[in-house]
Amino acid sequence: DVVAEAVARLHRGDIVAIKGIGGFHLACDATDENAVRRLRERKQRDAKPFAVMVRTIGGVVNLGAISMQEALLLRSPERPVVLIRRAKDSRLAPSVSPGLDRIGVMIAYTPLHHLLLEAVGRPLVMTSGNLSDEPIAIANEEALTRLSDIADLFLLHDREILSRVDDSVARVVDSGPLLMRRALEYASMFSLPV
């Protein structure tokens, strides 16, 4: 079972490349400092924070304080990464967002995310499948070539990705959403502030 193998490898501290909707994600256990540091080194991303994915809104509550507006944004159909205030006693590895009081969190939005997160039982770093400053890998062969020095395991599928799109990033300011990066589900929407 490939999902069980991926879960075992994530528990071991390995990095898994996961093919999604708009490209590949690189995932590791967000509570394992060694795994997060290894991902930083391999991805060549020194300090920029990583996004963290949880299965449900309850998983977000365990990581930080969220307002009603942030909860609504997290549960919206667009499923953006939402910046929230990090809990002081958060179990996340310090290297997830070094030196920052906020973390970027998102809720699972594909069946594979739900399967992995339910079985892993902890939050996962979920960052774009690329080296820093390169485009996200979208094709299986491309990922196997470009991400082979980063990922220890690949979860692939045979559906072709036609548009290379990253996750949107948002935060709540003055009780309203502010999009910091418009992508994925927001890519064709123009009514929200940029």
N, C-alpha and C. Protein backbone atom coordinates (compact mmCIF):
# COMPACT_ATOMS: atom_id res chain seq x y z
N ASP A 1 0.85 -1.19 0.00
CA ASP A 1 0.00 0.00 0.00
C ASP A 1 0.88 1.24 0.00
N VAL A 2 0.77 2.03 -1.04
CA VAL A 2 1.68 3.18 -1.18
C VAL A 2 1.43 4.24 -0.12
N VAL A 3 0.18 4.43 0.30
CA VAL A 3 -0.10 5.42 1.33
C VAL A 3 0.54 4.98 2.65
N ALA A 4 0.42 3.71 2.99
CA ALA A 4 1.03 3.21 4.22
C ALA A 4 2.54 3.36 4.19
N GLU A 5 3.14 3.11 3.03
CA GLU A 5 4.60 3.29 2.89
C GLU A 5 4.97 4.76 3.08
N ALA A 6 4.20 5.67 2.49
CA ALA A 6 4.48 7.10 2.63
C ALA A 6 4.34 7.52 4.09
N VAL A 7 3.33 7.02 4.77
CA VAL A 7 3.13 7.35 6.18
C VAL A 7 4.31 6.86 7.02
N ALA A 8 4.74 5.63 6.79
CA ALA A 8 5.89 5.09 7.52
C ALA A 8 7.13 5.93 7.29
N ARG A 9 7.34 6.35 6.04
CA ARG A 9 8.52 7.16 5.72
C ARG A 9 8.43 8.55 6.34
N LEU A 10 7.23 9.14 6.38
CA LEU A 10 7.07 10.44 7.03
C LEU A 10 7.34 10.31 8.53
N HIS A 11 6.89 9.23 9.15
CA HIS A 11 7.18 9.00 10.57
C HIS A 11 8.67 8.83 10.82
N ARG A 12 9.38 8.30 9.84
CA ARG A 12 10.84 8.12 9.95
C ARG A 12 11.61 9.41 9.75
N GLY A 13 10.93 10.47 9.30
CA GLY A 13 11.62 11.74 9.07
C GLY A 13 12.00 11.96 7.62
N ASP A 14 11.48 11.14 6.71
CA ASP A 14 11.81 11.29 5.29
C ASP A 14 10.97 12.40 4.66
N ILE A 15 11.39 12.80 3.47
CA ILE A 15 10.72 13.83 2.68
C ILE A 15 10.01 13.13 1.52
N VAL A 16 8.72 13.44 1.34
CA VAL A 16 7.92 12.79 0.32
C VAL A 16 7.43 13.83 -0.68
N ALA A 17 7.64 13.57 -1.97
CA ALA A 17 7.11 14.41 -3.04
C ALA A 17 5.73 13.87 -3.40
N ILE A 18 4.71 14.74 -3.37
CA ILE A 18 3.33 14.33 -3.58
C ILE A 18 2.76 15.11 -4.76
N LYS A 19 2.30 14.39 -5.77
CA LYS A 19 1.68 15.05 -6.91
C LYS A 19 0.26 15.47 -6.53
N GLY A 20 -0.03 16.76 -6.75
CA GLY A 20 -1.33 17.28 -6.37
C GLY A 20 -2.13 17.77 -7.56
N ILE A 21 -2.79 18.91 -7.37
CA ILE A 21 -3.66 19.48 -8.39
C ILE A 21 -2.91 20.41 -9.32
N GLY A 22 -2.10 21.30 -8.76
CA GLY A 22 -1.38 22.29 -9.57
C GLY A 22 0.10 22.03 -9.65
N GLY A 23 0.55 20.90 -9.13
CA GLY A 23 1.97 20.57 -9.14
C GLY A 23 2.30 19.69 -7.94
N PHE A 24 3.58 19.51 -7.72
CA PHE A 24 4.05 18.68 -6.62
C PHE A 24 4.23 19.49 -5.35
N HIS A 25 3.97 18.84 -4.22
CA HIS A 25 4.33 19.35 -2.90
C HIS A 25 5.48 18.51 -2.38
N LEU A 26 6.30 19.09 -1.55
CA LEU A 26 7.30 18.36 -0.76
C LEU A 26 6.79 18.36 0.67
N ALA A 27 6.67 17.18 1.25
CA ALA A 27 6.08 17.05 2.58
C ALA A 27 7.05 16.38 3.54
N CYS A 28 6.97 16.81 4.80
CA CYS A 28 7.68 16.13 5.89
C CYS A 28 6.91 16.39 7.17
N ASP A 29 7.26 15.68 8.22
CA ASP A 29 6.63 15.82 9.53
C ASP A 29 6.97 17.21 10.08
N ALA A 30 5.95 18.05 10.27
CA ALA A 30 6.17 19.42 10.72
C ALA A 30 6.57 19.50 12.19
N THR A 31 6.53 18.38 12.91
CA THR A 31 6.93 18.38 14.32
C THR A 31 8.36 17.85 14.50
N ASP A 32 8.98 17.42 13.42
CA ASP A 32 10.31 16.82 13.46
C ASP A 32 11.35 17.84 12.98
N GLU A 33 12.06 18.44 13.93
CA GLU A 33 13.03 19.50 13.60
C GLU A 33 14.09 19.02 12.61
N ASN A 34 14.58 17.80 12.77
CA ASN A 34 15.60 17.30 11.86
C ASN A 34 15.07 17.16 10.44
N ALA A 35 13.84 16.68 10.30
CA ALA A 35 13.23 16.53 8.97
C ALA A 35 13.03 17.89 8.31
N VAL A 36 12.55 18.87 9.08
CA VAL A 36 12.31 20.20 8.52
C VAL A 36 13.63 20.85 8.12
N ARG A 37 14.66 20.71 8.93
CA ARG A 37 15.97 21.27 8.57
C ARG A 37 16.54 20.60 7.32
N ARG A 38 16.37 19.29 7.23
CA ARG A 38 16.86 18.56 6.05
C ARG A 38 16.13 19.05 4.79
N LEU A 39 14.83 19.28 4.91
CA LEU A 39 14.07 19.81 3.77
C LEU A 39 14.58 21.20 3.40
N ARG A 40 14.85 22.05 4.37
CA ARG A 40 15.40 23.39 4.10
C ARG A 40 16.73 23.29 3.34
N GLU A 41 17.60 22.42 3.82
CA GLU A 41 18.92 22.27 3.18
C GLU A 41 18.77 21.77 1.75
N ARG A 42 17.98 20.72 1.56
CA ARG A 42 17.84 20.13 0.22
C ARG A 42 17.13 21.06 -0.75
N LYS A 43 16.17 21.81 -0.28
CA LYS A 43 15.39 22.72 -1.12
C LYS A 43 16.14 24.04 -1.34
N GLN A 44 17.19 24.26 -0.55
CA GLN A 44 17.99 25.48 -0.60
C GLN A 44 17.13 26.70 -0.25
N ARG A 45 16.40 26.56 0.84
CA ARG A 45 15.50 27.61 1.33
C ARG A 45 15.89 27.92 2.76
N ASP A 46 16.71 28.93 2.93
CA ASP A 46 17.32 29.20 4.23
C ASP A 46 16.34 29.61 5.33
N ALA A 47 15.51 30.62 5.09
CA ALA A 47 14.71 31.15 6.19
C ALA A 47 13.24 31.35 5.88
N LYS A 48 12.85 31.40 4.61
CA LYS A 48 11.44 31.64 4.26
C LYS A 48 10.58 30.56 4.90
N PRO A 49 9.47 30.95 5.56
CA PRO A 49 8.66 29.96 6.27
C PRO A 49 8.01 28.93 5.35
N PHE A 50 7.77 27.76 5.92
CA PHE A 50 7.05 26.70 5.23
C PHE A 50 5.58 26.72 5.64
N ALA A 51 4.70 26.33 4.72
CA ALA A 51 3.29 26.15 5.05
C ALA A 51 3.12 24.78 5.71
N VAL A 52 2.11 24.69 6.55
CA VAL A 52 1.80 23.46 7.27
C VAL A 52 0.37 23.06 6.93
N MET A 53 0.17 21.78 6.65
CA MET A 53 -1.17 21.28 6.34
C MET A 53 -1.65 20.38 7.47
N VAL A 54 -2.94 20.56 7.82
CA VAL A 54 -3.61 19.70 8.79
C VAL A 54 -4.89 19.18 8.14
N ARG A 55 -5.49 18.18 8.72
CA ARG A 55 -6.66 17.55 8.10
C ARG A 55 -7.94 18.34 8.33
N THR A 56 -8.10 18.92 9.53
CA THR A 56 -9.36 19.60 9.88
C THR A 56 -9.06 20.92 10.58
N ILE A 57 -10.10 21.71 10.76
CA ILE A 57 -9.96 22.98 11.47
C ILE A 57 -9.50 22.74 12.91
N GLY A 58 -9.88 21.60 13.49
CA GLY A 58 -9.41 21.26 14.83
C GLY A 58 -7.90 21.14 14.90
N GLY A 59 -7.29 20.67 13.84
CA GLY A 59 -5.84 20.59 13.79
C GLY A 59 -5.18 21.96 13.77
N VAL A 60 -5.86 22.95 13.20
CA VAL A 60 -5.33 24.33 13.19
C VAL A 60 -5.37 24.91 14.59
N VAL A 61 -6.46 24.66 15.30
CA VAL A 61 -6.62 25.19 16.65
C VAL A 61 -5.48 24.72 17.56
N ASN A 62 -4.95 23.53 17.31
CA ASN A 62 -3.83 23.02 18.12
C ASN A 62 -2.51 23.72 17.82
N LEU A 63 -2.44 24.48 16.73
CA LEU A 63 -1.18 25.13 16.33
C LEU A 63 -1.12 26.61 16.66
N GLY A 64 -2.28 27.24 16.76
CA GLY A 64 -2.28 28.68 17.02
C GLY A 64 -3.67 29.20 17.29
N ALA A 65 -3.72 30.49 17.62
CA ALA A 65 -5.00 31.15 17.88
C ALA A 65 -5.58 31.60 16.55
N ILE A 66 -6.84 31.24 16.29
CA ILE A 66 -7.47 31.66 15.04
C ILE A 66 -8.78 32.39 15.33
N SER A 67 -9.00 33.43 14.56
CA SER A 67 -10.25 34.19 14.68
C SER A 67 -11.33 33.51 13.85
N MET A 68 -12.56 33.98 14.01
CA MET A 68 -13.67 33.45 13.22
C MET A 68 -13.41 33.71 11.73
N GLN A 69 -12.91 34.88 11.39
CA GLN A 69 -12.62 35.21 9.99
C GLN A 69 -11.54 34.29 9.41
N GLU A 70 -10.51 33.99 10.21
CA GLU A 70 -9.46 33.07 9.75
C GLU A 70 -10.00 31.67 9.55
N ALA A 71 -10.88 31.24 10.46
CA ALA A 71 -11.50 29.91 10.34
C ALA A 71 -12.35 29.83 9.08
N LEU A 72 -13.11 30.88 8.79
CA LEU A 72 -13.94 30.90 7.58
C LEU A 72 -13.07 30.84 6.32
N LEU A 73 -11.95 31.57 6.33
CA LEU A 73 -11.04 31.58 5.19
C LEU A 73 -10.40 30.20 5.01
N LEU A 74 -10.01 29.58 6.10
CA LEU A 74 -9.41 28.24 6.02
C LEU A 74 -10.38 27.21 5.46
N ARG A 75 -11.67 27.35 5.80
CA ARG A 75 -12.68 26.38 5.36
C ARG A 75 -13.34 26.76 4.04
N SER A 76 -12.93 27.88 3.46
CA SER A 76 -13.54 28.32 2.20
C SER A 76 -13.20 27.32 1.08
N PRO A 77 -13.97 27.31 0.02
CA PRO A 77 -13.70 26.39 -1.10
C PRO A 77 -12.31 26.58 -1.71
N GLU A 78 -11.74 27.79 -1.58
CA GLU A 78 -10.43 28.07 -2.18
C GLU A 78 -9.27 27.45 -1.40
N ARG A 79 -9.48 27.14 -0.13
CA ARG A 79 -8.49 26.48 0.73
C ARG A 79 -7.09 27.14 0.66
N PRO A 80 -6.99 28.46 0.93
CA PRO A 80 -5.66 29.07 0.89
C PRO A 80 -4.83 28.72 2.11
N VAL A 81 -3.54 28.98 2.03
CA VAL A 81 -2.67 29.00 3.21
C VAL A 81 -3.04 30.28 3.94
N VAL A 82 -3.34 30.19 5.23
CA VAL A 82 -3.73 31.37 6.02
C VAL A 82 -2.68 31.59 7.10
N LEU A 83 -2.22 32.82 7.20
CA LEU A 83 -1.24 33.17 8.24
C LEU A 83 -1.96 33.41 9.55
N ILE A 84 -1.58 32.66 10.59
CA ILE A 84 -2.19 32.81 11.91
C ILE A 84 -1.09 32.99 12.95
N ARG A 85 -1.49 33.49 14.11
CA ARG A 85 -0.53 33.67 15.21
C ARG A 85 -0.17 32.30 15.78
N ARG A 86 1.11 32.01 15.85
CA ARG A 86 1.59 30.71 16.33
C ARG A 86 1.44 30.62 17.84
N ALA A 87 0.97 29.48 18.32
CA ALA A 87 0.86 29.25 19.76
C ALA A 87 2.25 29.13 20.36
N LYS A 88 2.42 29.71 21.56
CA LYS A 88 3.73 29.65 22.21
C LYS A 88 4.15 28.24 22.54
N ASP A 89 3.17 27.38 22.81
CA ASP A 89 3.47 25.98 23.14
C ASP A 89 3.26 25.06 21.94
N SER A 90 3.30 25.61 20.75
CA SER A 90 3.08 24.83 19.54
C SER A 90 4.10 23.70 19.44
N ARG A 91 3.64 22.54 18.97
CA ARG A 91 4.55 21.40 18.83
C ARG A 91 5.27 21.41 17.49
N LEU A 92 5.04 22.45 16.68
CA LEU A 92 5.73 22.54 15.40
C LEU A 92 7.22 22.74 15.60
N ALA A 93 8.01 22.18 14.70
CA ALA A 93 9.46 22.38 14.74
C ALA A 93 9.76 23.87 14.57
N PRO A 94 10.72 24.41 15.32
CA PRO A 94 11.07 25.83 15.19
C PRO A 94 11.44 26.23 13.76
N SER A 95 12.03 25.33 13.01
CA SER A 95 12.47 25.64 11.65
C SER A 95 11.34 25.77 10.64
N VAL A 96 10.09 25.50 11.05
CA VAL A 96 8.96 25.69 10.14
C VAL A 96 8.84 27.17 9.78
N SER A 97 8.93 28.04 10.78
CA SER A 97 8.87 29.49 10.54
C SER A 97 9.84 30.18 11.49
N PRO A 98 11.14 30.06 11.20
CA PRO A 98 12.17 30.54 12.13
C PRO A 98 12.07 32.03 12.41
N GLY A 99 12.01 32.34 13.73
CA GLY A 99 12.02 33.73 14.17
C GLY A 99 10.72 34.48 13.95
N LEU A 100 9.67 33.82 13.52
CA LEU A 100 8.39 34.50 13.24
C LEU A 100 7.34 34.09 14.26
N ASP A 101 6.40 35.00 14.51
CA ASP A 101 5.31 34.68 15.44
C ASP A 101 4.07 34.19 14.71
N ARG A 102 4.14 34.08 13.40
CA ARG A 102 3.02 33.58 12.60
C ARG A 102 3.44 32.34 11.83
N ILE A 103 2.44 31.52 11.54
CA ILE A 103 2.66 30.34 10.71
C ILE A 103 1.60 30.31 9.60
N GLY A 104 1.96 29.74 8.49
CA GLY A 104 1.02 29.56 7.39
C GLY A 104 0.42 28.17 7.48
N VAL A 105 -0.89 28.09 7.63
CA VAL A 105 -1.56 26.80 7.75
C VAL A 105 -2.63 26.66 6.66
N MET A 106 -2.88 25.42 6.28
CA MET A 106 -3.97 25.12 5.34
C MET A 106 -4.59 23.80 5.73
N ILE A 107 -5.82 23.63 5.26
CA ILE A 107 -6.56 22.40 5.53
C ILE A 107 -6.51 21.53 4.28
N ALA A 108 -6.41 20.24 4.49
CA ALA A 108 -6.36 19.29 3.38
C ALA A 108 -7.47 19.55 2.38
N TYR A 109 -7.12 19.48 1.09
CA TYR A 109 -8.13 19.75 0.05
C TYR A 109 -8.19 18.69 -1.04
N THR A 110 -7.45 17.59 -0.89
CA THR A 110 -7.59 16.47 -1.83
C THR A 110 -7.79 15.19 -1.01
N PRO A 111 -8.37 14.16 -1.61
CA PRO A 111 -8.53 12.89 -0.88
C PRO A 111 -7.19 12.32 -0.40
N LEU A 112 -6.14 12.45 -1.20
CA LEU A 112 -4.83 11.92 -0.79
C LEU A 112 -4.31 12.65 0.44
N HIS A 113 -4.47 13.98 0.49
CA HIS A 113 -4.07 14.74 1.69
C HIS A 113 -4.79 14.19 2.92
N HIS A 114 -6.11 13.97 2.79
CA HIS A 114 -6.89 13.48 3.92
C HIS A 114 -6.40 12.10 4.38
N LEU A 115 -6.15 11.21 3.43
CA LEU A 115 -5.64 9.87 3.78
C LEU A 115 -4.31 9.96 4.52
N LEU A 116 -3.38 10.74 3.97
CA LEU A 116 -2.05 10.87 4.59
C LEU A 116 -2.13 11.48 5.98
N LEU A 117 -2.84 12.59 6.10
CA LEU A 117 -2.89 13.29 7.38
C LEU A 117 -3.61 12.49 8.45
N GLU A 118 -4.66 11.78 8.07
CA GLU A 118 -5.36 10.94 9.05
C GLU A 118 -4.42 9.84 9.55
N ALA A 119 -3.68 9.22 8.66
CA ALA A 119 -2.79 8.12 9.04
C ALA A 119 -1.54 8.61 9.77
N VAL A 120 -1.00 9.75 9.37
CA VAL A 120 0.21 10.28 10.02
C VAL A 120 -0.12 10.77 11.42
N GLY A 121 -1.26 11.43 11.58
CA GLY A 121 -1.68 11.88 12.90
C GLY A 121 -0.95 13.09 13.43
N ARG A 122 -0.33 13.85 12.55
CA ARG A 122 0.36 15.09 12.94
C ARG A 122 0.42 16.02 11.73
N PRO A 123 0.69 17.30 11.96
CA PRO A 123 0.75 18.23 10.83
C PRO A 123 1.94 17.94 9.93
N LEU A 124 1.79 18.26 8.66
CA LEU A 124 2.87 18.07 7.68
C LEU A 124 3.27 19.40 7.07
N VAL A 125 4.57 19.61 6.93
CA VAL A 125 5.02 20.70 6.07
C VAL A 125 4.55 20.34 4.67
N MET A 126 4.00 21.31 3.95
CA MET A 126 3.54 21.08 2.59
C MET A 126 4.01 22.30 1.79
N THR A 127 5.15 22.15 1.13
CA THR A 127 5.74 23.25 0.38
C THR A 127 5.86 22.89 -1.09
N SER A 128 6.03 23.90 -1.91
CA SER A 128 6.06 23.67 -3.36
C SER A 128 7.21 22.75 -3.75
N GLY A 129 6.92 21.89 -4.72
CA GLY A 129 7.88 20.89 -5.20
C GLY A 129 8.86 21.48 -6.20
N ASN A 130 9.86 22.15 -5.66
CA ASN A 130 10.89 22.77 -6.49
C ASN A 130 12.09 23.15 -5.63
N LEU A 131 13.18 23.47 -6.28
CA LEU A 131 14.27 24.16 -5.61
C LEU A 131 13.85 25.62 -5.51
N SER A 132 14.38 26.37 -4.56
CA SER A 132 14.02 27.77 -4.44
C SER A 132 14.26 28.48 -5.76
N ASP A 133 13.30 29.35 -6.12
CA ASP A 133 13.35 30.19 -7.32
C ASP A 133 13.20 29.43 -8.63
N GLU A 134 12.78 28.17 -8.57
CA GLU A 134 12.48 27.41 -9.79
C GLU A 134 10.98 27.19 -9.85
N PRO A 135 10.42 26.91 -11.05
CA PRO A 135 8.99 26.60 -11.13
C PRO A 135 8.67 25.25 -10.48
N ILE A 136 7.44 25.10 -10.07
CA ILE A 136 6.98 23.85 -9.46
C ILE A 136 6.98 22.75 -10.51
N ALA A 137 7.42 21.57 -10.12
CA ALA A 137 7.36 20.40 -11.01
C ALA A 137 5.90 19.97 -11.15
N ILE A 138 5.49 19.63 -12.40
CA ILE A 138 4.10 19.20 -12.61
C ILE A 138 3.99 17.82 -13.25
N ALA A 139 4.99 17.39 -13.99
CA ALA A 139 4.93 16.09 -14.67
C ALA A 139 5.75 15.07 -13.88
N ASN A 140 5.35 13.81 -13.94
CA ASN A 140 6.04 12.76 -13.19
C ASN A 140 7.53 12.69 -13.52
N GLU A 141 7.86 12.62 -14.81
CA GLU A 141 9.28 12.52 -15.19
C GLU A 141 10.06 13.75 -14.76
N GLU A 142 9.44 14.92 -14.91
CA GLU A 142 10.07 16.17 -14.47
C GLU A 142 10.37 16.11 -12.98
N ALA A 143 9.40 15.67 -12.18
CA ALA A 143 9.58 15.60 -10.73
C ALA A 143 10.66 14.58 -10.37
N LEU A 144 10.62 13.42 -10.99
CA LEU A 144 11.62 12.39 -10.69
C LEU A 144 13.03 12.88 -10.99
N THR A 145 13.17 13.73 -11.98
CA THR A 145 14.49 14.28 -12.33
C THR A 145 14.86 15.45 -11.43
N ARG A 146 13.97 16.44 -11.34
CA ARG A 146 14.30 17.68 -10.65
C ARG A 146 14.25 17.57 -9.13
N LEU A 147 13.45 16.65 -8.60
CA LEU A 147 13.30 16.56 -7.15
C LEU A 147 14.03 15.37 -6.54
N SER A 148 14.80 14.64 -7.35
CA SER A 148 15.44 13.41 -6.85
C SER A 148 16.46 13.68 -5.74
N ASP A 149 17.04 14.87 -5.70
CA ASP A 149 18.00 15.20 -4.64
C ASP A 149 17.31 15.75 -3.39
N ILE A 150 16.00 15.96 -3.48
CA ILE A 150 15.25 16.50 -2.34
C ILE A 150 14.40 15.42 -1.69
N ALA A 151 13.61 14.73 -2.50
CA ALA A 151 12.63 13.76 -1.97
C ALA A 151 13.24 12.38 -1.79
N ASP A 152 12.80 11.70 -0.73
CA ASP A 152 13.19 10.31 -0.48
C ASP A 152 12.19 9.33 -1.08
N LEU A 153 10.99 9.81 -1.38
CA LEU A 153 9.90 8.96 -1.89
C LEU A 153 8.97 9.83 -2.72
N PHE A 154 8.37 9.25 -3.76
CA PHE A 154 7.45 9.97 -4.64
C PHE A 154 6.08 9.30 -4.63
N LEU A 155 5.02 10.09 -4.46
CA LEU A 155 3.65 9.63 -4.62
C LEU A 155 3.14 10.25 -5.91
N LEU A 156 2.95 9.42 -6.93
CA LEU A 156 2.58 9.89 -8.26
C LEU A 156 1.19 9.42 -8.64
N HIS A 157 0.58 10.10 -9.60
CA HIS A 157 -0.64 9.62 -10.23
C HIS A 157 -0.52 9.88 -11.72
N ASP A 158 -1.47 9.36 -12.50
CA ASP A 158 -1.34 9.45 -13.96
C ASP A 158 -2.20 10.56 -14.57
N ARG A 159 -2.80 11.41 -13.75
CA ARG A 159 -3.56 12.55 -14.29
C ARG A 159 -2.59 13.66 -14.65
N GLU A 160 -2.72 14.19 -15.86
CA GLU A 160 -1.84 15.25 -16.32
C GLU A 160 -2.24 16.58 -15.68
N ILE A 161 -1.25 17.34 -15.24
CA ILE A 161 -1.48 18.69 -14.73
C ILE A 161 -1.22 19.65 -15.88
N LEU A 162 -2.21 20.44 -16.24
CA LEU A 162 -2.09 21.33 -17.38
C LEU A 162 -1.58 22.72 -17.00
N SER A 163 -1.91 23.17 -15.79
CA SER A 163 -1.49 24.50 -15.34
C SER A 163 -0.67 24.39 -14.07
N ARG A 164 0.52 24.96 -14.10
CA ARG A 164 1.42 24.98 -12.95
C ARG A 164 0.95 26.08 -12.01
N VAL A 165 0.38 25.69 -10.85
CA VAL A 165 -0.19 26.68 -9.94
C VAL A 165 0.15 26.31 -8.50
N ASP A 166 0.62 27.30 -7.75
CA ASP A 166 0.95 27.12 -6.34
C ASP A 166 -0.29 27.38 -5.48
N ASP A 167 -0.18 27.20 -4.17
CA ASP A 167 -1.26 27.49 -3.25
C ASP A 167 -1.35 29.00 -3.00
N SER A 168 -2.57 29.50 -2.86
CA SER A 168 -2.77 30.91 -2.50
C SER A 168 -2.38 31.12 -1.04
N VAL A 169 -1.98 32.35 -0.71
CA VAL A 169 -1.63 32.71 0.66
C VAL A 169 -2.44 33.94 1.03
N ALA A 170 -3.06 33.90 2.23
CA ALA A 170 -3.91 35.01 2.67
C ALA A 170 -3.72 35.24 4.16
N ARG A 171 -4.14 36.40 4.59
CA ARG A 171 -4.22 36.69 6.02
C ARG A 171 -5.41 37.59 6.24
N VAL A 172 -5.86 37.66 7.48
CA VAL A 172 -6.98 38.52 7.82
C VAL A 172 -6.42 39.83 8.37
N VAL A 173 -6.86 40.93 7.77
CA VAL A 173 -6.47 42.27 8.21
C VAL A 173 -7.74 43.08 8.38
N ASP A 174 -7.90 43.74 9.53
CA ASP A 174 -9.11 44.52 9.80
C ASP A 174 -10.37 43.69 9.54
N SER A 175 -10.37 42.47 9.99
CA SER A 175 -11.49 41.54 9.87
C SER A 175 -11.86 41.15 8.45
N GLY A 176 -10.96 41.37 7.50
CA GLY A 176 -11.22 40.97 6.13
C GLY A 176 -10.03 40.26 5.53
N PRO A 177 -10.26 39.43 4.48
CA PRO A 177 -9.15 38.70 3.87
C PRO A 177 -8.28 39.60 2.99
N LEU A 178 -6.99 39.38 3.05
CA LEU A 178 -6.03 40.05 2.18
C LEU A 178 -5.22 38.96 1.50
N LEU A 179 -5.32 38.87 0.18
CA LEU A 179 -4.54 37.86 -0.54
C LEU A 179 -3.12 38.35 -0.73
N MET A 180 -2.17 37.57 -0.26
CA MET A 180 -0.76 37.91 -0.39
C MET A 180 -0.16 37.23 -1.62
N ARG A 181 -0.74 36.09 -2.00
CA ARG A 181 -0.37 35.42 -3.24
C ARG A 181 -1.63 34.81 -3.82
N ARG A 182 -2.02 35.28 -5.00
CA ARG A 182 -3.21 34.78 -5.67
C ARG A 182 -2.80 33.61 -6.56
N ALA A 183 -3.34 32.44 -6.27
CA ALA A 183 -3.00 31.24 -7.04
C ALA A 183 -4.13 30.24 -6.92
N LEU A 184 -3.91 29.05 -7.45
CA LEU A 184 -4.85 27.94 -7.43
C LEU A 184 -6.28 28.41 -7.62
N GLU A 185 -7.16 28.27 -6.63
CA GLU A 185 -8.58 28.58 -6.81
C GLU A 185 -8.87 30.06 -7.02
N TYR A 186 -7.99 30.95 -6.55
CA TYR A 186 -8.22 32.37 -6.72
C TYR A 186 -7.68 32.89 -8.05
N ALA A 187 -6.99 32.07 -8.82
CA ALA A 187 -6.29 32.55 -10.01
C ALA A 187 -7.17 33.31 -10.98
N SER A 188 -8.42 32.94 -11.09
CA SER A 188 -9.28 33.63 -12.05
C SER A 188 -10.26 34.60 -11.39
N MET A 189 -10.09 34.82 -10.10
CA MET A 189 -11.01 35.72 -9.40
C MET A 189 -10.39 37.11 -9.29
N PHE A 190 -11.17 38.14 -9.51
CA PHE A 190 -10.65 39.50 -9.47
C PHE A 190 -11.40 40.37 -8.45
N SER A 191 -12.32 39.81 -7.71
CA SER A 191 -13.13 40.61 -6.81
C SER A 191 -12.50 40.81 -5.44
N LEU A 192 -11.51 39.99 -5.09
CA LEU A 192 -10.89 40.11 -3.77
C LEU A 192 -9.68 41.04 -3.84
N PRO A 193 -9.35 41.73 -2.73
CA PRO A 193 -8.19 42.63 -2.74
C PRO A 193 -6.89 41.85 -2.91
N VAL A 194 -5.94 42.49 -3.54
CA VAL A 194 -4.62 41.85 -3.76
C VAL A 194 -3.64 42.41 -2.77
